Amino acid sequence: MLIYRTAEPDIVAEGAPGPATGTGAQRGRVVFVDFGQNKVYALADDGGEVLTFGSFEDLVERLRPTVIVVDSLPGKLQNTAAELAKTEITFLRLKNLGKLSEERKNNGVKKTDENDVRLLKTLYHRHPEIFQPLFTTPEELEVRALTELWVEIARMKMDSKRTRTETNNSVAVKIHKNLRNNFEELAREIHEKALRLPLYRRAVDELGLKGPALAYIISHDAIALTTLPRDRMIIRYAMTHRNYRKRPVRSQLLILLARVAVLRGHPRYSQIYHHYRQKGKKHWPAILRVAVRLLRDLRQLREDGQQTQKAGPPAGRRKTRKAGVTTVCAPPKTPKRCDW
């Protein structure tokens, strides 16, 4: 596991959490960062003015920090952060994203990027224990890169299939066949690599799920699955009404995973789907209910010390009593693996 450590700098930020222990003095120039719309806002620990940069790389080049404190790191900058870690830059993040919102509410401060970066500095010095190092394993970075490639090839595969259908050109047919073979080979490779991620392996063993879509969600959003409350996760994955806005990739893949689980007769999620269908829900709302349940199960798997429900009911014959009648239930079938 890679843990980002600092070099020996010339400025001391007293009271800052260390990358490994979370207490003590952290040596180095500390910069607090918040990411806005196409802009990056930064406040140095030894300065009082919030600076604006066009990119994260520009910020690092001009301020040369050894410690970067964020509330959370956008997914598109995860690989950049991993590369910067090789230059002895430490990344610290909030353990609980709700702390920043709580601090904003207690101080009656409006939500802006400039205010958030100032509040981040205040929290850092007042409660250093609520921050922890941002670390990423090499296995997680590899799976993340492979799943992003899988998403791009999936789009190309759909375009090539449409072109092959419209033209029936021999070259288009050949390209589509090659893309399909590469697509399937990459999916198998992603599954093998993702088995080294603890959360993915638990999802395979306990939920009966697997595949690139699941690997994408876990490799990109493992931290959010731990830190965000359940309602915020539903909003993050766009499970609410969204007629006016396109769903993000993670939301599309979660819905795809739910659809495949229902289509292939997953003993848990197909039962949830049919339950909502019997209550009068149409196909799409029922699929969204399954996606929400799947997301909650993944979040429960991520929580330390808690046990999630198995993919199917426990094996063996059991008795149920209802209205004075005893019914003996047959043992369920072995859960299927829903692969996508």
Protein backbone atom coordinates (compact mmCIF):
# COMPACT_ATOMS: atom_id res chain seq x y z
CA MET A 1 0.00 0.00 0.00
CA LEU A 2 1.29 3.47 -0.89
CA ILE A 3 1.17 6.04 1.90
CA TYR A 4 2.12 9.56 0.87
CA ARG A 5 4.86 11.06 3.04
CA THR A 6 6.43 14.48 3.08
CA ALA A 7 9.97 15.57 2.48
CA GLU A 8 12.01 17.56 4.98
CA PRO A 9 10.81 21.15 4.37
CA ASP A 10 11.58 24.49 5.91
CA ILE A 11 8.19 25.51 7.35
CA VAL A 12 6.43 23.89 10.29
CA ALA A 13 2.65 23.79 10.57
CA GLU A 14 1.99 23.24 14.26
CA GLY A 15 -0.81 20.96 15.30
CA ALA A 16 -1.22 19.37 11.88
CA PRO A 17 -1.81 15.64 11.70
CA GLY A 18 1.03 13.46 10.53
CA PRO A 19 0.44 11.17 7.54
CA ALA A 20 0.69 7.99 9.56
CA THR A 21 -0.26 8.84 13.12
CA GLY A 22 -2.81 11.63 12.69
CA THR A 23 -1.19 13.61 15.53
CA GLY A 24 1.90 15.67 16.14
CA ALA A 25 3.65 18.24 13.97
CA GLN A 26 3.67 17.93 10.20
CA ARG A 27 6.67 19.57 8.58
CA GLY A 28 6.18 21.32 5.26
CA ARG A 29 4.25 24.03 3.49
CA VAL A 30 0.56 23.31 3.89
CA VAL A 31 -1.89 24.42 1.19
CA PHE A 32 -5.67 24.11 1.51
CA VAL A 33 -7.45 23.40 -1.76
CA ASP A 34 -11.04 23.43 -2.97
CA PHE A 35 -12.12 22.52 -6.51
CA GLY A 36 -14.67 24.74 -8.24
CA GLN A 37 -16.12 24.93 -11.74
CA ASN A 38 -13.03 24.73 -13.99
CA LYS A 39 -11.01 26.50 -11.28
CA VAL A 40 -8.89 25.51 -8.30
CA TYR A 41 -8.96 27.65 -5.14
CA ALA A 42 -5.98 27.54 -2.79
CA LEU A 43 -5.06 29.13 0.55
CA ALA A 44 -1.54 28.71 1.88
CA ASP A 45 -1.14 28.13 5.61
CA ASP A 46 1.29 31.04 5.79
CA GLY A 47 -0.95 33.35 3.74
CA GLY A 48 -4.33 35.06 4.10
CA GLU A 49 -5.44 35.46 0.47
CA VAL A 50 -7.32 32.84 -1.52
CA LEU A 51 -5.62 32.27 -4.87
CA THR A 52 -7.28 30.99 -8.03
CA PHE A 53 -5.61 28.67 -10.54
CA GLY A 54 -6.68 27.28 -13.88
CA SER A 55 -5.49 23.77 -13.12
CA PHE A 56 -4.27 21.60 -10.27
CA GLU A 57 -0.85 21.20 -11.91
CA ASP A 58 -0.45 24.99 -12.10
CA LEU A 59 -1.17 25.26 -8.37
CA VAL A 60 1.49 22.68 -7.49
CA GLU A 61 4.07 24.31 -9.76
CA ARG A 62 3.58 27.82 -8.36
CA LEU A 63 3.01 27.15 -4.65
CA ARG A 64 5.21 24.03 -4.35
CA PRO A 65 3.35 22.55 -1.35
CA THR A 66 4.50 19.53 0.60
CA VAL A 67 1.07 19.00 2.20
CA ILE A 68 -2.21 19.46 0.32
CA VAL A 69 -5.41 19.44 2.41
CA VAL A 70 -8.74 18.85 0.65
CA ASP A 71 -12.28 17.97 1.68
CA SER A 72 -12.38 15.39 -1.10
CA LEU A 73 -10.45 14.70 -4.31
CA PRO A 74 -12.33 14.58 -7.65
CA GLY A 75 -12.10 11.28 -9.48
CA LYS A 76 -10.44 12.83 -12.54
CA LEU A 77 -7.50 13.97 -10.37
CA GLN A 78 -6.88 10.63 -8.66
CA ASN A 79 -4.18 9.58 -11.12
CA THR A 80 -2.57 13.04 -10.94
CA ALA A 81 -2.44 12.80 -7.15
CA ALA A 82 -0.80 9.39 -7.39
CA GLU A 83 1.93 10.82 -9.63
CA LEU A 84 2.46 13.81 -7.32
CA ALA A 85 2.81 11.45 -4.37
CA LYS A 86 6.00 10.15 -5.98
CA THR A 87 7.45 13.66 -5.54
CA GLU A 88 6.94 13.46 -1.74
CA ILE A 89 3.69 15.44 -1.59
CA THR A 90 1.25 14.40 1.16
CA PHE A 91 -2.51 14.53 0.58
CA LEU A 92 -4.84 14.86 3.57
CA ARG A 93 -8.63 14.72 3.40
CA LEU A 94 -11.56 14.98 5.76
CA LYS A 95 -12.64 11.68 7.26
CA ASN A 96 -16.25 12.89 7.22
CA LEU A 97 -17.35 15.27 4.47
CA GLY A 98 -20.23 16.46 6.63
CA LYS A 99 -17.84 18.29 8.97
CA LEU A 100 -17.31 21.09 6.47
CA SER A 101 -21.05 21.57 5.97
CA GLU A 102 -21.56 21.53 9.74
CA GLU A 103 -18.86 24.16 10.26
CA ARG A 104 -20.41 26.33 7.53
CA LYS A 105 -23.82 26.09 9.19
CA ASN A 106 -22.50 26.85 12.69
CA ASN A 107 -20.74 30.00 11.47
CA GLY A 108 -23.59 31.19 9.24
CA VAL A 109 -21.28 31.23 6.22
CA LYS A 110 -22.57 31.04 2.66
CA LYS A 111 -21.38 28.11 0.57
CA THR A 112 -18.72 29.38 -1.83
CA ASP A 113 -15.39 27.97 -2.92
CA GLU A 114 -13.49 30.77 -1.19
CA ASN A 115 -15.37 30.28 2.09
CA ASP A 116 -14.92 26.50 1.97
CA VAL A 117 -11.17 26.72 1.60
CA ARG A 118 -10.97 29.12 4.58
CA LEU A 119 -13.15 26.85 6.70
CA LEU A 120 -10.94 23.93 5.70
CA LYS A 121 -7.95 25.79 7.16
CA THR A 122 -9.87 26.54 10.37
CA LEU A 123 -10.88 22.90 10.81
CA TYR A 124 -7.34 21.73 10.10
CA HIS A 125 -5.91 23.74 13.00
CA ARG A 126 -8.85 23.31 15.39
CA HIS A 127 -9.51 19.58 14.86
CA PRO A 128 -6.50 17.94 13.21
CA GLU A 129 -7.78 14.51 14.20
CA ILE A 130 -10.65 14.69 11.68
CA PHE A 131 -8.16 14.52 8.78
CA GLN A 132 -6.44 11.44 7.45
CA PRO A 133 -3.93 10.68 4.69
CA LEU A 134 -5.27 10.00 1.25
CA PHE A 135 -3.69 6.78 0.07
CA THR A 136 -4.26 4.53 -2.90
CA THR A 137 -2.93 1.05 -3.53
CA PRO A 138 -1.22 0.23 -6.85
CA GLU A 139 -3.86 -2.46 -7.43
CA GLU A 140 -6.65 0.09 -7.13
CA LEU A 141 -4.95 2.46 -9.56
CA GLU A 142 -4.48 -0.35 -12.07
CA VAL A 143 -8.12 -1.43 -11.87
CA ARG A 144 -9.23 2.19 -12.15
CA ALA A 145 -7.24 2.69 -15.36
CA LEU A 146 -8.46 -0.59 -16.87
CA THR A 147 -12.11 0.15 -16.12
CA GLU A 148 -11.84 3.61 -17.67
CA LEU A 149 -10.45 1.95 -20.80
CA TRP A 150 -13.32 -0.54 -20.68
CA VAL A 151 -15.87 2.31 -20.65
CA GLU A 152 -14.26 3.89 -23.73
CA ILE A 153 -14.14 0.58 -25.62
CA ALA A 154 -17.79 -0.05 -24.72
CA ARG A 155 -18.73 3.23 -26.40
CA MET A 156 -16.65 2.39 -29.47
CA LYS A 157 -18.22 -1.07 -29.60
CA MET A 158 -21.73 0.41 -29.63
CA ASP A 159 -20.78 2.85 -32.42
CA SER A 160 -19.17 0.12 -34.50
CA LYS A 161 -22.23 -2.10 -34.08
CA ARG A 162 -24.50 0.68 -35.32
CA THR A 163 -22.21 1.34 -38.30
CA ARG A 164 -22.04 -2.35 -39.16
CA THR A 165 -25.84 -2.56 -39.10
CA GLU A 166 -26.31 0.50 -41.29
CA THR A 167 -23.66 -0.21 -43.94
CA ASN A 168 -22.79 -3.93 -43.75
CA ASN A 169 -19.29 -2.93 -44.85
CA SER A 170 -16.67 -5.71 -44.56
CA VAL A 171 -14.17 -3.41 -42.83
CA ALA A 172 -16.81 -2.24 -40.35
CA VAL A 173 -17.73 -5.87 -39.63
CA LYS A 174 -14.05 -6.74 -39.00
CA ILE A 175 -13.53 -3.75 -36.70
CA HIS A 176 -16.65 -4.61 -34.72
CA LYS A 177 -15.53 -8.21 -34.30
CA ASN A 178 -12.08 -7.14 -33.07
CA LEU A 179 -13.59 -4.66 -30.63
CA ARG A 180 -15.96 -7.29 -29.30
CA ASN A 181 -13.12 -9.78 -28.72
CA ASN A 182 -10.94 -7.13 -27.05
CA PHE A 183 -13.90 -6.01 -24.97
CA GLU A 184 -14.48 -9.50 -23.59
CA GLU A 185 -10.76 -10.10 -22.99
CA LEU A 186 -10.44 -6.81 -21.09
CA ALA A 187 -13.49 -7.68 -18.95
CA ARG A 188 -11.83 -10.94 -17.89
CA GLU A 189 -8.57 -9.14 -17.10
CA ILE A 190 -10.39 -6.52 -15.00
CA HIS A 191 -12.10 -9.24 -12.97
CA GLU A 192 -8.81 -10.99 -12.25
CA LYS A 193 -7.10 -7.76 -11.19
CA ALA A 194 -10.08 -6.52 -9.18
CA LEU A 195 -10.13 -9.69 -7.06
CA ARG A 196 -7.12 -8.20 -5.26
CA LEU A 197 -9.35 -5.39 -3.96
CA PRO A 198 -10.95 -6.45 -0.64
CA LEU A 199 -14.30 -4.77 -1.29
CA TYR A 200 -14.62 -6.30 -4.77
CA ARG A 201 -13.82 -9.76 -3.45
CA ARG A 202 -16.44 -9.39 -0.70
CA ALA A 203 -19.00 -8.27 -3.28
CA VAL A 204 -18.23 -11.37 -5.33
CA ASP A 205 -18.42 -13.72 -2.35
CA GLU A 206 -21.31 -12.17 -0.41
CA LEU A 207 -23.46 -10.41 -3.02
CA GLY A 208 -22.86 -12.69 -6.00
CA LEU A 209 -21.84 -9.78 -8.25
CA LYS A 210 -18.81 -9.27 -10.45
CA GLY A 211 -17.63 -7.58 -13.63
CA PRO A 212 -16.12 -4.32 -14.95
CA ALA A 213 -19.09 -2.16 -13.94
CA LEU A 214 -18.74 -3.25 -10.31
CA ALA A 215 -14.95 -2.88 -10.49
CA TYR A 216 -15.34 0.69 -11.83
CA ILE A 217 -17.61 1.72 -8.96
CA ILE A 218 -15.37 0.19 -6.30
CA SER A 219 -12.06 1.44 -7.69
CA HIS A 220 -13.35 4.99 -8.20
CA ASP A 221 -15.68 5.45 -5.23
CA ALA A 222 -14.42 3.31 -2.35
CA ILE A 223 -13.80 6.40 -0.17
CA ALA A 224 -17.25 7.86 -0.85
CA LEU A 225 -18.85 4.53 0.04
CA THR A 226 -17.29 4.91 3.49
CA THR A 227 -17.61 8.62 4.23
CA LEU A 228 -20.90 9.71 2.66
CA PRO A 229 -24.19 9.02 4.44
CA ARG A 230 -26.76 6.88 2.68
CA ASP A 231 -28.92 9.76 1.41
CA ARG A 232 -25.91 11.60 0.01
CA MET A 233 -24.82 8.45 -1.83
CA ILE A 234 -28.24 8.26 -3.50
CA ILE A 235 -27.83 11.84 -4.70
CA ARG A 236 -24.23 11.24 -5.79
CA TYR A 237 -25.36 8.34 -7.97
CA ALA A 238 -28.26 10.36 -9.39
CA MET A 239 -30.97 7.96 -8.26
CA THR A 240 -33.41 10.89 -8.04
CA HIS A 241 -35.53 12.38 -10.83
CA ARG A 242 -33.21 13.74 -13.56
CA ASN A 243 -35.13 14.59 -16.73
CA TYR A 244 -33.02 17.68 -17.31
CA ARG A 245 -29.52 16.32 -16.79
CA LYS A 246 -27.42 13.44 -18.07
CA ARG A 247 -26.43 10.81 -15.52
CA PRO A 248 -22.72 10.47 -14.65
CA VAL A 249 -20.82 7.36 -15.67
CA ARG A 250 -20.94 5.83 -12.19
CA SER A 251 -24.75 6.18 -12.16
CA GLN A 252 -25.10 4.57 -15.60
CA LEU A 253 -22.91 1.64 -14.56
CA LEU A 254 -24.80 1.14 -11.30
CA ILE A 255 -28.10 0.98 -13.22
CA LEU A 256 -26.51 -1.37 -15.76
CA LEU A 257 -25.38 -3.65 -12.92
CA ALA A 258 -28.91 -3.65 -11.48
CA ARG A 259 -30.47 -4.45 -14.86
CA VAL A 260 -28.11 -7.37 -15.47
CA ALA A 261 -28.74 -8.72 -11.96
CA VAL A 262 -32.50 -8.72 -12.63
CA LEU A 263 -32.12 -10.11 -16.15
CA ARG A 264 -29.98 -13.02 -14.99
CA GLY A 265 -32.26 -13.88 -12.10
CA HIS A 266 -30.13 -12.86 -9.13
CA PRO A 267 -31.95 -14.42 -6.14
CA ARG A 268 -31.86 -11.20 -4.09
CA TYR A 269 -32.20 -8.36 -6.59
CA SER A 270 -34.67 -10.03 -8.94
CA GLN A 271 -36.90 -10.60 -5.91
CA ILE A 272 -36.71 -6.89 -5.06
CA TYR A 273 -37.55 -6.02 -8.67
CA HIS A 274 -40.65 -8.26 -8.75
CA HIS A 275 -41.73 -6.93 -5.35
CA TYR A 276 -41.93 -3.37 -6.70
CA ARG A 277 -43.54 -4.55 -9.94
CA GLN A 278 -46.30 -6.20 -7.93
CA LYS A 279 -46.79 -2.93 -6.04
CA GLY A 280 -47.59 -1.24 -9.38
CA LYS A 281 -44.19 0.23 -10.25
CA LYS A 282 -43.23 0.24 -13.91
CA HIS A 283 -40.03 -1.36 -15.19
CA TRP A 284 -37.74 1.67 -14.94
CA PRO A 285 -38.71 2.80 -11.40
CA ALA A 286 -38.37 -0.82 -10.23
CA ILE A 287 -34.86 -1.02 -11.73
CA LEU A 288 -33.93 2.20 -9.91
CA ARG A 289 -35.15 0.67 -6.63
CA VAL A 290 -32.87 -2.30 -7.27
CA ALA A 291 -29.95 0.04 -8.01
CA VAL A 292 -30.52 1.89 -4.73
CA ARG A 293 -30.60 -1.38 -2.80
CA LEU A 294 -27.42 -2.53 -4.53
CA LEU A 295 -25.70 0.73 -3.63
CA ARG A 296 -26.73 0.37 0.02
CA ASP A 297 -25.41 -3.19 0.09
CA LEU A 298 -22.04 -2.06 -1.27
CA ARG A 299 -21.91 0.71 1.33
CA GLN A 300 -22.69 -1.78 4.08
CA LEU A 301 -19.92 -4.08 2.84
CA ARG A 302 -17.48 -1.18 3.02
CA GLU A 303 -18.21 -0.42 6.66
CA ASP A 304 -15.74 -2.07 9.01
CA GLY A 305 -17.06 -4.52 11.56
CA GLN A 306 -20.49 -4.88 9.94
CA GLN A 307 -21.92 -7.92 8.14
CA THR A 308 -23.97 -7.51 5.01
CA GLN A 309 -26.77 -9.76 3.91
CA LYS A 310 -25.84 -12.65 1.65
CA ALA A 311 -26.83 -12.74 -2.00
CA GLY A 312 -29.57 -15.28 -1.18
CA PRO A 313 -31.34 -16.54 1.94
CA PRO A 314 -29.44 -18.97 4.16
CA ALA A 315 -29.26 -22.54 2.92
CA GLY A 316 -31.20 -25.36 4.50
CA ARG A 317 -34.85 -26.05 5.20
CA ARG A 318 -36.56 -23.70 7.59
CA LYS A 319 -39.99 -23.37 9.11
CA THR A 320 -42.16 -20.28 8.95
CA ARG A 321 -45.36 -19.76 10.93
CA LYS A 322 -48.16 -17.57 9.65
CA ALA A 323 -51.75 -17.47 10.90
CA GLY A 324 -51.34 -20.77 12.74
CA VAL A 325 -50.04 -22.62 9.67
CA THR A 326 -46.51 -24.03 9.62
CA THR A 327 -44.83 -24.05 6.19
CA VAL A 328 -41.59 -25.85 5.39
CA CYS A 329 -39.51 -23.91 2.87
CA ALA A 330 -37.13 -25.73 0.53
CA PRO A 331 -33.49 -24.61 0.46
CA PRO A 332 -32.75 -21.93 -2.15
CA LYS A 333 -30.66 -22.44 -5.22
CA THR A 334 -27.01 -21.44 -5.26
CA PRO A 335 -26.71 -17.69 -6.05
CA LYS A 336 -25.70 -16.91 -9.61
CA ARG A 337 -22.81 -14.62 -10.45
CA CYS A 338 -24.11 -11.53 -12.24
CA ASP A 339 -21.27 -10.47 -14.49
CA TRP A 340 -21.10 -7.15 -16.28
